[in-house]
Amino acid sequence: MSIAIRVSGRIGKPAAEVFDAVVNPTKLSGYFTTIKGASAPLVAGTTVTWWGQVPVEVDEVVPQKRIVLRWDADTNAPAYKTLIEMDFEQLDDGGTFVTISETGWREDEQGRKASYNNCEGWAMMLSAMKAYVEYGINLREGFYPSEMRGELPTDVSRK
């Protein structure tokens, strides 16, 4: 068995606009990968770099519906990957319900700690995406003391 996390919330914009805020590196860098940005658009079969140093493997991209990614688990254990799934549901009121899940951590203390950190990071991403897409506000700027020094925030540091 492995540890899994899930966060979700409504963003008051159409699915096409919300989806683009994730796949478009300029937009993603405006609220989430603010330190050193995102290297390229999310395209299935590619690997992009977030924050200038975190490789993100893009497994699947279904426009306006779904993004599936893999990246290294943030543990000191032998390397392994976790799976990130982002689902975008167009709502009848014109908004989009976004669900982000991450699975695959090992059932040990390092896996639990890494999952808690990433749950915090994904919740922050979803909140920051809402503020950015709906109001053009970057909530992440200055949120983490490390980012104020130009360093990676603790929720995305990789061993």
N, C-alpha and C. Protein backbone atom coordinates (compact mmCIF):
# COMPACT_ATOMS: atom_id res chain seq x y z
N MET A 1 0.85 -1.18 0.00
CA MET A 1 0.00 0.00 0.00
C MET A 1 0.89 1.24 0.00
N SER A 2 0.42 2.30 -0.61
CA SER A 2 1.18 3.54 -0.63
C SER A 2 0.32 4.69 -0.12
N ILE A 3 0.99 5.75 0.25
CA ILE A 3 0.33 6.94 0.78
C ILE A 3 -0.16 7.79 -0.39
N ALA A 4 -1.35 8.39 -0.23
CA ALA A 4 -1.93 9.24 -1.27
C ALA A 4 -2.52 10.49 -0.64
N ILE A 5 -2.50 11.58 -1.39
CA ILE A 5 -3.13 12.83 -0.95
C ILE A 5 -4.02 13.36 -2.07
N ARG A 6 -4.99 14.22 -1.69
CA ARG A 6 -5.86 14.83 -2.69
C ARG A 6 -6.36 16.17 -2.15
N VAL A 7 -6.31 17.19 -3.02
CA VAL A 7 -6.88 18.50 -2.72
C VAL A 7 -7.77 18.89 -3.89
N SER A 8 -8.78 19.69 -3.61
CA SER A 8 -9.66 20.11 -4.70
C SER A 8 -10.33 21.43 -4.34
N GLY A 9 -10.80 22.12 -5.36
CA GLY A 9 -11.51 23.37 -5.16
C GLY A 9 -12.03 23.94 -6.46
N ARG A 10 -12.92 24.90 -6.34
CA ARG A 10 -13.55 25.55 -7.48
C ARG A 10 -12.82 26.83 -7.83
N ILE A 11 -12.57 27.00 -9.13
CA ILE A 11 -12.00 28.24 -9.65
C ILE A 11 -13.04 28.83 -10.59
N GLY A 12 -13.36 30.07 -10.41
CA GLY A 12 -14.45 30.72 -11.12
C GLY A 12 -14.13 31.16 -12.53
N LYS A 13 -13.56 30.29 -13.30
CA LYS A 13 -13.26 30.55 -14.71
C LYS A 13 -13.49 29.27 -15.49
N PRO A 14 -13.68 29.37 -16.82
CA PRO A 14 -13.89 28.16 -17.64
C PRO A 14 -12.68 27.22 -17.62
N ALA A 15 -12.95 25.95 -17.84
CA ALA A 15 -11.91 24.92 -17.81
C ALA A 15 -10.74 25.24 -18.74
N ALA A 16 -11.02 25.78 -19.92
CA ALA A 16 -9.94 26.10 -20.87
C ALA A 16 -8.94 27.08 -20.25
N GLU A 17 -9.44 28.08 -19.55
CA GLU A 17 -8.58 29.09 -18.95
C GLU A 17 -7.81 28.52 -17.74
N VAL A 18 -8.47 27.73 -16.93
CA VAL A 18 -7.83 27.14 -15.75
C VAL A 18 -6.77 26.13 -16.19
N PHE A 19 -7.10 25.30 -17.17
CA PHE A 19 -6.17 24.31 -17.69
C PHE A 19 -4.92 25.00 -18.25
N ASP A 20 -5.12 26.08 -18.99
CA ASP A 20 -4.00 26.82 -19.57
C ASP A 20 -3.09 27.41 -18.50
N ALA A 21 -3.64 27.73 -17.34
CA ALA A 21 -2.84 28.28 -16.25
C ALA A 21 -1.86 27.25 -15.70
N VAL A 22 -2.08 25.97 -16.01
CA VAL A 22 -1.16 24.92 -15.57
C VAL A 22 -0.20 24.53 -16.69
N VAL A 23 -0.69 24.34 -17.91
CA VAL A 23 0.17 23.86 -19.00
C VAL A 23 1.06 24.96 -19.58
N ASN A 24 0.66 26.20 -19.47
CA ASN A 24 1.41 27.32 -20.02
C ASN A 24 2.51 27.74 -19.03
N PRO A 25 3.78 27.60 -19.39
CA PRO A 25 4.86 27.86 -18.43
C PRO A 25 4.90 29.31 -17.94
N THR A 26 4.51 30.25 -18.77
CA THR A 26 4.51 31.66 -18.34
C THR A 26 3.48 31.87 -17.25
N LYS A 27 2.29 31.31 -17.44
CA LYS A 27 1.25 31.46 -16.42
C LYS A 27 1.58 30.69 -15.15
N LEU A 28 2.05 29.45 -15.29
CA LEU A 28 2.41 28.65 -14.11
C LEU A 28 3.49 29.35 -13.29
N SER A 29 4.42 30.00 -13.98
CA SER A 29 5.50 30.73 -13.30
C SER A 29 4.99 31.99 -12.60
N GLY A 30 3.80 32.42 -12.95
CA GLY A 30 3.22 33.62 -12.35
C GLY A 30 2.59 33.40 -10.99
N TYR A 31 2.38 32.13 -10.59
CA TYR A 31 1.75 31.88 -9.30
C TYR A 31 2.26 30.64 -8.57
N PHE A 32 3.01 29.75 -9.25
CA PHE A 32 3.41 28.51 -8.59
C PHE A 32 4.92 28.28 -8.68
N THR A 33 5.46 28.19 -9.86
CA THR A 33 6.89 27.94 -10.03
C THR A 33 7.64 29.27 -10.12
N THR A 34 7.36 30.13 -9.16
CA THR A 34 7.82 31.52 -9.23
C THR A 34 9.33 31.68 -9.17
N ILE A 35 10.04 30.77 -8.50
CA ILE A 35 11.50 30.83 -8.47
C ILE A 35 12.02 30.04 -9.66
N LYS A 36 12.60 30.70 -10.62
CA LYS A 36 13.19 30.12 -11.82
C LYS A 36 12.18 29.48 -12.77
N GLY A 37 10.90 29.59 -12.51
CA GLY A 37 9.86 29.26 -13.47
C GLY A 37 9.70 27.81 -13.87
N ALA A 38 8.97 27.67 -14.99
CA ALA A 38 8.74 26.38 -15.64
C ALA A 38 9.41 26.45 -17.00
N SER A 39 10.10 25.39 -17.38
CA SER A 39 10.95 25.43 -18.57
C SER A 39 10.21 25.34 -19.90
N ALA A 40 9.03 24.73 -19.92
CA ALA A 40 8.33 24.50 -21.18
C ALA A 40 6.87 24.15 -20.90
N PRO A 41 6.04 24.18 -21.94
CA PRO A 41 4.64 23.75 -21.77
C PRO A 41 4.57 22.27 -21.42
N LEU A 42 3.49 21.89 -20.76
CA LEU A 42 3.27 20.48 -20.45
C LEU A 42 2.72 19.79 -21.70
N VAL A 43 3.54 18.89 -22.26
CA VAL A 43 3.19 18.12 -23.45
C VAL A 43 3.49 16.66 -23.13
N ALA A 44 2.52 15.79 -23.39
CA ALA A 44 2.70 14.37 -23.08
C ALA A 44 3.98 13.83 -23.72
N GLY A 45 4.72 13.03 -22.95
CA GLY A 45 5.95 12.42 -23.44
C GLY A 45 7.19 13.26 -23.25
N THR A 46 7.06 14.42 -22.63
CA THR A 46 8.22 15.29 -22.41
C THR A 46 8.56 15.36 -20.92
N THR A 47 9.72 15.92 -20.64
CA THR A 47 10.11 16.23 -19.27
C THR A 47 10.39 17.73 -19.22
N VAL A 48 9.76 18.41 -18.29
CA VAL A 48 9.98 19.84 -18.10
C VAL A 48 10.68 20.02 -16.76
N THR A 49 11.18 21.22 -16.53
CA THR A 49 11.83 21.53 -15.26
C THR A 49 11.05 22.65 -14.59
N TRP A 50 10.70 22.43 -13.33
CA TRP A 50 10.04 23.45 -12.52
C TRP A 50 11.04 23.96 -11.51
N TRP A 51 10.97 25.24 -11.19
CA TRP A 51 11.84 25.92 -10.23
C TRP A 51 13.32 25.82 -10.63
N GLY A 52 13.59 25.61 -11.90
CA GLY A 52 14.95 25.56 -12.39
C GLY A 52 15.72 24.30 -12.06
N GLN A 53 15.12 23.36 -11.32
CA GLN A 53 15.89 22.18 -10.95
C GLN A 53 15.06 20.91 -10.71
N VAL A 54 13.75 20.97 -10.75
CA VAL A 54 12.93 19.80 -10.46
C VAL A 54 12.39 19.23 -11.78
N PRO A 55 12.88 18.05 -12.21
CA PRO A 55 12.37 17.45 -13.44
C PRO A 55 10.96 16.87 -13.22
N VAL A 56 10.07 17.18 -14.14
CA VAL A 56 8.69 16.73 -14.07
C VAL A 56 8.38 16.00 -15.37
N GLU A 57 8.10 14.71 -15.27
CA GLU A 57 7.77 13.91 -16.45
C GLU A 57 6.28 14.05 -16.75
N VAL A 58 5.97 14.36 -17.99
CA VAL A 58 4.58 14.57 -18.41
C VAL A 58 4.09 13.30 -19.08
N ASP A 59 3.20 12.57 -18.41
CA ASP A 59 2.69 11.31 -18.94
C ASP A 59 1.48 11.49 -19.85
N GLU A 60 0.58 12.40 -19.46
CA GLU A 60 -0.69 12.53 -20.21
C GLU A 60 -1.19 13.96 -20.12
N VAL A 61 -1.70 14.47 -21.23
CA VAL A 61 -2.34 15.77 -21.26
C VAL A 61 -3.59 15.64 -22.14
N VAL A 62 -4.74 15.80 -21.52
CA VAL A 62 -6.02 15.79 -22.23
C VAL A 62 -6.57 17.20 -22.08
N PRO A 63 -6.54 18.01 -23.17
CA PRO A 63 -6.92 19.41 -23.07
C PRO A 63 -8.23 19.65 -22.32
N GLN A 64 -8.15 20.57 -21.38
CA GLN A 64 -9.26 21.03 -20.56
C GLN A 64 -9.82 19.96 -19.62
N LYS A 65 -9.18 18.79 -19.54
CA LYS A 65 -9.71 17.69 -18.73
C LYS A 65 -8.72 17.13 -17.70
N ARG A 66 -7.49 16.82 -18.16
CA ARG A 66 -6.63 16.02 -17.30
C ARG A 66 -5.14 16.21 -17.63
N ILE A 67 -4.31 16.20 -16.58
CA ILE A 67 -2.86 16.23 -16.69
C ILE A 67 -2.32 15.16 -15.74
N VAL A 68 -1.40 14.34 -16.22
CA VAL A 68 -0.77 13.31 -15.38
C VAL A 68 0.74 13.51 -15.45
N LEU A 69 1.36 13.63 -14.27
CA LEU A 69 2.79 13.90 -14.15
C LEU A 69 3.44 12.89 -13.22
N ARG A 70 4.76 12.77 -13.32
CA ARG A 70 5.56 11.99 -12.37
C ARG A 70 6.78 12.83 -12.00
N TRP A 71 7.20 12.68 -10.74
CA TRP A 71 8.44 13.30 -10.32
C TRP A 71 9.02 12.49 -9.17
N ASP A 72 10.27 12.79 -8.83
CA ASP A 72 10.93 12.05 -7.77
C ASP A 72 10.27 12.32 -6.43
N ALA A 73 10.07 11.26 -5.66
CA ALA A 73 9.59 11.42 -4.29
C ALA A 73 10.65 12.19 -3.51
N ASP A 74 10.22 13.07 -2.65
CA ASP A 74 11.14 13.90 -1.87
C ASP A 74 11.51 13.16 -0.59
N THR A 75 12.37 12.15 -0.74
CA THR A 75 12.81 11.37 0.43
C THR A 75 14.30 11.10 0.30
N ASN A 76 14.89 10.62 1.36
CA ASN A 76 16.30 10.21 1.33
C ASN A 76 16.45 8.75 0.95
N ALA A 77 15.32 8.07 0.73
CA ALA A 77 15.33 6.65 0.37
C ALA A 77 15.84 6.48 -1.06
N PRO A 78 16.10 5.25 -1.47
CA PRO A 78 16.43 5.05 -2.89
C PRO A 78 15.36 5.71 -3.77
N ALA A 79 15.78 6.27 -4.87
CA ALA A 79 14.89 7.06 -5.73
C ALA A 79 13.67 6.26 -6.19
N TYR A 80 12.53 6.92 -6.19
CA TYR A 80 11.31 6.40 -6.78
C TYR A 80 10.43 7.59 -7.13
N LYS A 81 9.45 7.38 -7.95
CA LYS A 81 8.60 8.46 -8.45
C LYS A 81 7.21 8.39 -7.82
N THR A 82 6.58 9.56 -7.69
CA THR A 82 5.18 9.62 -7.33
C THR A 82 4.40 10.08 -8.56
N LEU A 83 3.10 9.83 -8.53
CA LEU A 83 2.21 10.14 -9.64
C LEU A 83 1.29 11.28 -9.24
N ILE A 84 1.24 12.33 -10.06
CA ILE A 84 0.37 13.47 -9.83
C ILE A 84 -0.70 13.46 -10.91
N GLU A 85 -1.96 13.55 -10.49
CA GLU A 85 -3.08 13.61 -11.44
C GLU A 85 -3.87 14.89 -11.16
N MET A 86 -4.07 15.67 -12.20
CA MET A 86 -4.87 16.90 -12.10
C MET A 86 -6.07 16.74 -13.01
N ASP A 87 -7.26 16.86 -12.43
CA ASP A 87 -8.50 16.76 -13.20
C ASP A 87 -9.24 18.08 -13.16
N PHE A 88 -9.79 18.46 -14.30
CA PHE A 88 -10.47 19.73 -14.47
C PHE A 88 -11.90 19.44 -14.92
N GLU A 89 -12.88 19.77 -14.09
CA GLU A 89 -14.29 19.51 -14.41
C GLU A 89 -15.01 20.83 -14.66
N GLN A 90 -15.48 21.00 -15.88
CA GLN A 90 -16.24 22.21 -16.22
C GLN A 90 -17.58 22.15 -15.50
N LEU A 91 -17.91 23.18 -14.75
CA LEU A 91 -19.15 23.23 -13.99
C LEU A 91 -20.22 24.00 -14.76
N ASP A 92 -21.47 23.72 -14.47
CA ASP A 92 -22.59 24.38 -15.14
C ASP A 92 -22.61 25.89 -14.90
N ASP A 93 -22.03 26.34 -13.79
CA ASP A 93 -22.02 27.78 -13.48
C ASP A 93 -20.90 28.54 -14.16
N GLY A 94 -20.11 27.85 -15.02
CA GLY A 94 -19.01 28.50 -15.74
C GLY A 94 -17.66 28.35 -15.06
N GLY A 95 -17.64 27.87 -13.83
CA GLY A 95 -16.40 27.65 -13.12
C GLY A 95 -15.82 26.27 -13.42
N THR A 96 -14.71 25.97 -12.79
CA THR A 96 -14.03 24.69 -12.98
C THR A 96 -13.69 24.10 -11.62
N PHE A 97 -14.00 22.82 -11.44
CA PHE A 97 -13.63 22.12 -10.22
C PHE A 97 -12.33 21.38 -10.51
N VAL A 98 -11.27 21.73 -9.76
CA VAL A 98 -9.95 21.15 -9.97
C VAL A 98 -9.64 20.19 -8.82
N THR A 99 -9.20 18.99 -9.18
CA THR A 99 -8.76 18.01 -8.19
C THR A 99 -7.32 17.63 -8.51
N ILE A 100 -6.45 17.72 -7.50
CA ILE A 100 -5.05 17.34 -7.64
C ILE A 100 -4.78 16.23 -6.65
N SER A 101 -4.30 15.10 -7.16
CA SER A 101 -3.94 14.00 -6.27
C SER A 101 -2.50 13.59 -6.55
N GLU A 102 -1.87 13.09 -5.52
CA GLU A 102 -0.52 12.55 -5.67
C GLU A 102 -0.46 11.25 -4.91
N THR A 103 0.05 10.22 -5.55
CA THR A 103 0.11 8.88 -4.97
C THR A 103 1.49 8.28 -5.17
N GLY A 104 1.76 7.24 -4.39
CA GLY A 104 2.96 6.46 -4.62
C GLY A 104 4.05 6.54 -3.58
N TRP A 105 3.85 7.31 -2.50
CA TRP A 105 4.89 7.34 -1.47
C TRP A 105 4.93 6.01 -0.75
N ARG A 106 6.09 5.67 -0.29
CA ARG A 106 6.25 4.44 0.48
C ARG A 106 5.69 4.64 1.88
N GLU A 107 5.25 3.54 2.46
CA GLU A 107 4.68 3.53 3.82
C GLU A 107 5.79 3.52 4.85
N ASP A 108 6.47 4.65 4.97
CA ASP A 108 7.49 4.79 6.01
C ASP A 108 7.51 6.25 6.46
N GLU A 109 8.33 6.54 7.45
CA GLU A 109 8.36 7.90 7.99
C GLU A 109 8.73 8.93 6.92
N GLN A 110 9.71 8.63 6.09
CA GLN A 110 10.11 9.55 5.02
C GLN A 110 8.97 9.77 4.03
N GLY A 111 8.27 8.70 3.66
CA GLY A 111 7.15 8.83 2.74
C GLY A 111 6.03 9.67 3.32
N ARG A 112 5.71 9.45 4.60
CA ARG A 112 4.66 10.25 5.24
C ARG A 112 5.05 11.73 5.28
N LYS A 113 6.29 12.01 5.69
CA LYS A 113 6.73 13.40 5.77
C LYS A 113 6.68 14.07 4.39
N ALA A 114 7.17 13.39 3.38
CA ALA A 114 7.15 13.96 2.03
C ALA A 114 5.72 14.19 1.55
N SER A 115 4.81 13.27 1.87
CA SER A 115 3.42 13.44 1.43
C SER A 115 2.78 14.64 2.12
N TYR A 116 3.08 14.86 3.39
CA TYR A 116 2.53 16.01 4.10
C TYR A 116 3.03 17.31 3.48
N ASN A 117 4.34 17.36 3.17
CA ASN A 117 4.91 18.55 2.55
C ASN A 117 4.27 18.82 1.20
N ASN A 118 4.09 17.77 0.40
CA ASN A 118 3.51 17.97 -0.92
C ASN A 118 2.03 18.31 -0.84
N CYS A 119 1.33 17.77 0.15
CA CYS A 119 -0.08 18.15 0.33
C CYS A 119 -0.18 19.65 0.59
N GLU A 120 0.72 20.16 1.43
CA GLU A 120 0.77 21.60 1.67
C GLU A 120 1.05 22.35 0.37
N GLY A 121 2.00 21.84 -0.41
CA GLY A 121 2.35 22.50 -1.67
C GLY A 121 1.21 22.51 -2.67
N TRP A 122 0.51 21.40 -2.81
CA TRP A 122 -0.61 21.34 -3.77
C TRP A 122 -1.77 22.21 -3.31
N ALA A 123 -2.02 22.26 -1.99
CA ALA A 123 -3.07 23.14 -1.49
C ALA A 123 -2.71 24.60 -1.77
N MET A 124 -1.42 24.94 -1.58
CA MET A 124 -0.96 26.29 -1.89
C MET A 124 -1.09 26.57 -3.37
N MET A 125 -0.73 25.59 -4.21
CA MET A 125 -0.85 25.79 -5.66
C MET A 125 -2.29 26.08 -6.04
N LEU A 126 -3.23 25.29 -5.52
CA LEU A 126 -4.63 25.47 -5.87
C LEU A 126 -5.15 26.83 -5.41
N SER A 127 -4.80 27.24 -4.21
CA SER A 127 -5.20 28.56 -3.72
C SER A 127 -4.59 29.68 -4.54
N ALA A 128 -3.29 29.53 -4.83
CA ALA A 128 -2.60 30.55 -5.62
C ALA A 128 -3.15 30.60 -7.04
N MET A 129 -3.49 29.44 -7.60
CA MET A 129 -4.07 29.41 -8.95
C MET A 129 -5.40 30.14 -8.97
N LYS A 130 -6.22 29.94 -7.96
CA LYS A 130 -7.52 30.61 -7.89
C LYS A 130 -7.32 32.14 -7.88
N ALA A 131 -6.43 32.61 -7.01
CA ALA A 131 -6.18 34.05 -6.92
C ALA A 131 -5.63 34.61 -8.23
N TYR A 132 -4.72 33.85 -8.85
CA TYR A 132 -4.07 34.31 -10.09
C TYR A 132 -5.05 34.31 -11.26
N VAL A 133 -5.77 33.22 -11.44
CA VAL A 133 -6.68 33.10 -12.59
C VAL A 133 -7.89 34.03 -12.44
N GLU A 134 -8.44 34.11 -11.25
CA GLU A 134 -9.64 34.94 -11.06
C GLU A 134 -9.33 36.42 -10.92
N TYR A 135 -8.20 36.77 -10.27
CA TYR A 135 -7.95 38.17 -9.92
C TYR A 135 -6.59 38.71 -10.34
N GLY A 136 -5.72 37.87 -10.92
CA GLY A 136 -4.41 38.32 -11.34
C GLY A 136 -3.45 38.58 -10.19
N ILE A 137 -3.71 37.96 -9.04
CA ILE A 137 -2.88 38.17 -7.85
C ILE A 137 -1.95 36.97 -7.67
N ASN A 138 -0.67 37.24 -7.36
CA ASN A 138 0.31 36.20 -7.08
C ASN A 138 0.41 36.04 -5.56
N LEU A 139 -0.31 35.05 -5.01
CA LEU A 139 -0.28 34.80 -3.57
C LEU A 139 1.05 34.24 -3.09
N ARG A 140 1.78 33.58 -3.96
CA ARG A 140 3.00 32.89 -3.54
C ARG A 140 4.16 33.86 -3.30
N GLU A 141 4.16 34.99 -3.98
CA GLU A 141 5.25 35.94 -3.82
C GLU A 141 5.40 36.35 -2.36
N GLY A 142 6.56 36.05 -1.79
CA GLY A 142 6.84 36.40 -0.41
C GLY A 142 6.19 35.49 0.62
N PHE A 143 5.49 34.43 0.18
CA PHE A 143 4.81 33.53 1.10
C PHE A 143 5.80 32.70 1.91
N TYR A 144 6.84 32.23 1.24
CA TYR A 144 7.86 31.42 1.89
C TYR A 144 9.11 32.27 2.10
N PRO A 145 9.66 32.32 3.32
CA PRO A 145 10.88 33.11 3.54
C PRO A 145 12.01 32.72 2.59
N SER A 146 12.10 31.44 2.24
CA SER A 146 13.17 31.00 1.35
C SER A 146 13.04 31.65 -0.03
N GLU A 147 11.82 31.84 -0.51
CA GLU A 147 11.63 32.48 -1.81
C GLU A 147 12.06 33.94 -1.78
N MET A 148 11.94 34.57 -0.65
CA MET A 148 12.37 35.95 -0.53
C MET A 148 13.88 36.05 -0.71
N ARG A 149 14.60 34.94 -0.44
CA ARG A 149 16.06 34.89 -0.61
C ARG A 149 16.42 34.30 -1.97
N GLY A 150 15.39 34.00 -2.82
CA GLY A 150 15.66 33.42 -4.12
C GLY A 150 15.93 31.93 -4.11
N GLU A 151 15.52 31.25 -3.03
CA GLU A 151 15.72 29.81 -2.89
C GLU A 151 14.40 29.09 -3.11
N LEU A 152 14.49 27.78 -3.34
CA LEU A 152 13.29 26.98 -3.45
C LEU A 152 12.55 26.96 -2.11
N PRO A 153 11.20 27.02 -2.14
CA PRO A 153 10.45 26.89 -0.89
C PRO A 153 10.55 25.46 -0.37
N THR A 154 10.29 25.30 0.89
CA THR A 154 10.44 23.97 1.53
C THR A 154 9.48 22.95 0.95
N ASP A 155 8.33 23.35 0.41
CA ASP A 155 7.38 22.37 -0.10
C ASP A 155 7.80 21.79 -1.46
N VAL A 156 8.86 22.30 -2.07
CA VAL A 156 9.31 21.73 -3.35
C VAL A 156 10.80 21.39 -3.36
N SER A 157 11.46 21.53 -2.22
CA SER A 157 12.89 21.19 -2.21
C SER A 157 13.04 19.70 -2.42
N ARG A 158 14.01 19.31 -3.21
CA ARG A 158 14.25 17.90 -3.52
C ARG A 158 15.62 17.52 -3.01
N LYS A 159 15.72 16.36 -2.46
CA LYS A 159 16.99 15.86 -1.93
C LYS A 159 17.94 15.54 -3.05
